[in-house]
Amino acid sequence: MSKRDELIAKYAEDLKEKCGVTADIDLLTKVTVGLGPSIYNADSSTISGSDDSELATVKNNFLIKKLGLSDSAELDKAIDAVLETYGKSNRNKYRAVVYYLLVKHFKKESVY
């Protein structure tokens, strides 16, 4: 099993255990591949839910640029909802899991 496959399995487990979501492995794989080498870096593979600049990066670089959504308060609400689902007290929020949940939230699977 490759390192990427191991990470995807870990993300699927996080989705199931922490979010109560059964992962669509195809979509999770595409989201993970889309993140490129950042998934192998301890700092860039996770998201700090309390860091405003980090959340702005998720909003601008992923929701607006990647998914093609318009900037609105709805985007901030969606990020908050996803972080709430993941568990605000959970220290390690994997970027791939958060992005997967946002793709599902906005029904933007077609982007992948």
Protein backbone atom coordinates (compact mmCIF):
# COMPACT_ATOMS: atom_id res chain seq x y z
CA MET A 1 0.00 0.00 0.00
CA SER A 2 1.42 3.38 -0.97
CA LYS A 3 1.81 6.26 1.47
CA ARG A 4 -1.03 8.09 -0.29
CA ASP A 5 -3.32 5.06 0.00
CA GLU A 6 -2.50 4.83 3.71
CA LEU A 7 -3.42 8.50 4.16
CA ILE A 8 -6.68 8.07 2.24
CA ALA A 9 -7.56 5.12 4.49
CA LYS A 10 -6.77 7.30 7.53
CA TYR A 11 -8.98 10.11 6.17
CA ALA A 12 -11.84 7.66 5.50
CA GLU A 13 -11.51 6.40 9.08
CA ASP A 14 -11.62 10.00 10.40
CA LEU A 15 -14.76 10.68 8.36
CA LYS A 16 -16.43 7.59 9.77
CA GLU A 17 -15.34 7.90 13.41
CA LYS A 18 -15.31 11.66 13.97
CA CYS A 19 -17.91 12.87 11.48
CA GLY A 20 -20.27 9.91 11.20
CA VAL A 21 -19.89 9.98 7.40
CA THR A 22 -19.22 7.00 5.16
CA ALA A 23 -16.69 8.24 2.63
CA ASP A 24 -17.12 8.06 -1.11
CA ILE A 25 -13.60 6.67 -1.62
CA ASP A 26 -13.41 7.80 -5.27
CA LEU A 27 -14.19 11.39 -4.34
CA LEU A 28 -11.96 11.31 -1.25
CA THR A 29 -9.11 10.02 -3.43
CA LYS A 30 -9.63 12.81 -5.98
CA VAL A 31 -9.74 15.48 -3.27
CA THR A 32 -6.58 14.03 -1.69
CA VAL A 33 -4.72 13.86 -5.02
CA GLY A 34 -5.80 17.46 -5.69
CA LEU A 35 -3.96 18.56 -2.55
CA GLY A 36 -0.67 17.32 -4.01
CA PRO A 37 2.40 17.01 -1.81
CA SER A 38 0.86 19.06 1.02
CA ILE A 39 -0.71 15.87 2.43
CA TYR A 40 2.76 14.59 3.37
CA ASN A 41 3.68 17.68 5.41
CA ALA A 42 2.54 17.64 9.04
CA ASP A 43 1.75 21.37 9.06
CA SER A 44 0.02 21.75 5.69
CA SER A 45 -1.93 18.47 5.93
CA THR A 46 -4.03 19.81 8.81
CA ILE A 47 -6.23 22.85 9.37
CA SER A 48 -6.35 24.98 12.49
CA GLY A 49 -10.00 25.76 13.10
CA SER A 50 -9.11 28.68 15.36
CA ASP A 51 -6.69 30.42 12.97
CA ASP A 52 -8.54 33.09 10.99
CA SER A 53 -5.86 33.32 8.29
CA GLU A 54 -6.03 29.54 7.83
CA LEU A 55 -9.81 29.67 7.43
CA ALA A 56 -9.46 32.55 4.95
CA THR A 57 -7.08 30.36 2.92
CA VAL A 58 -9.64 27.54 2.86
CA LYS A 59 -12.30 30.00 1.76
CA ASN A 60 -10.26 31.83 -0.90
CA ASN A 61 -8.06 29.09 -2.33
CA PHE A 62 -10.47 26.18 -2.12
CA LEU A 63 -14.08 27.35 -2.07
CA ILE A 64 -13.71 30.36 -4.36
CA LYS A 65 -10.81 29.40 -6.67
CA LYS A 66 -11.15 25.61 -6.82
CA LEU A 67 -14.91 25.10 -6.46
CA GLY A 68 -15.83 28.35 -8.21
CA LEU A 69 -18.17 29.63 -5.52
CA SER A 70 -18.95 33.32 -4.99
CA ASP A 71 -17.66 35.01 -1.85
CA SER A 72 -20.50 35.28 0.66
CA ALA A 73 -21.33 34.76 4.32
CA GLU A 74 -22.63 31.34 3.27
CA LEU A 75 -19.04 30.16 2.73
CA ASP A 76 -18.05 31.10 6.30
CA LYS A 77 -21.15 29.35 7.65
CA ALA A 78 -20.29 26.21 5.66
CA ILE A 79 -16.72 26.18 6.99
CA ASP A 80 -18.05 26.57 10.56
CA ALA A 81 -20.59 23.78 10.00
CA VAL A 82 -17.92 21.43 8.65
CA LEU A 83 -15.57 22.20 11.56
CA GLU A 84 -18.47 21.62 13.96
CA THR A 85 -19.19 18.25 12.31
CA TYR A 86 -15.50 17.32 12.50
CA GLY A 87 -15.40 18.37 16.15
CA LYS A 88 -14.05 21.75 17.17
CA SER A 89 -12.14 20.16 20.05
CA ASN A 90 -10.44 17.70 17.69
CA ARG A 91 -6.88 19.03 17.31
CA ASN A 92 -5.97 17.24 14.08
CA LYS A 93 -8.39 18.27 11.37
CA TYR A 94 -7.04 16.85 8.15
CA ARG A 95 -7.26 19.24 5.21
CA ALA A 96 -8.42 16.45 2.88
CA VAL A 97 -11.30 15.58 5.23
CA VAL A 98 -12.39 19.21 5.61
CA TYR A 99 -12.23 19.76 1.84
CA TYR A 100 -14.15 16.53 1.22
CA LEU A 101 -16.91 17.65 3.59
CA LEU A 102 -17.05 21.08 1.91
CA VAL A 103 -17.33 19.47 -1.55
CA LYS A 104 -20.23 17.36 -0.25
CA HIS A 105 -21.83 20.35 1.49
CA PHE A 106 -21.90 22.42 -1.70
CA LYS A 107 -22.66 19.38 -3.92
CA LYS A 108 -19.62 20.22 -6.07
CA GLU A 109 -18.52 16.64 -6.77
CA SER A 110 -18.60 17.49 -10.48
CA VAL A 111 -15.48 19.65 -10.01
CA TYR A 112 -13.60 16.41 -9.46
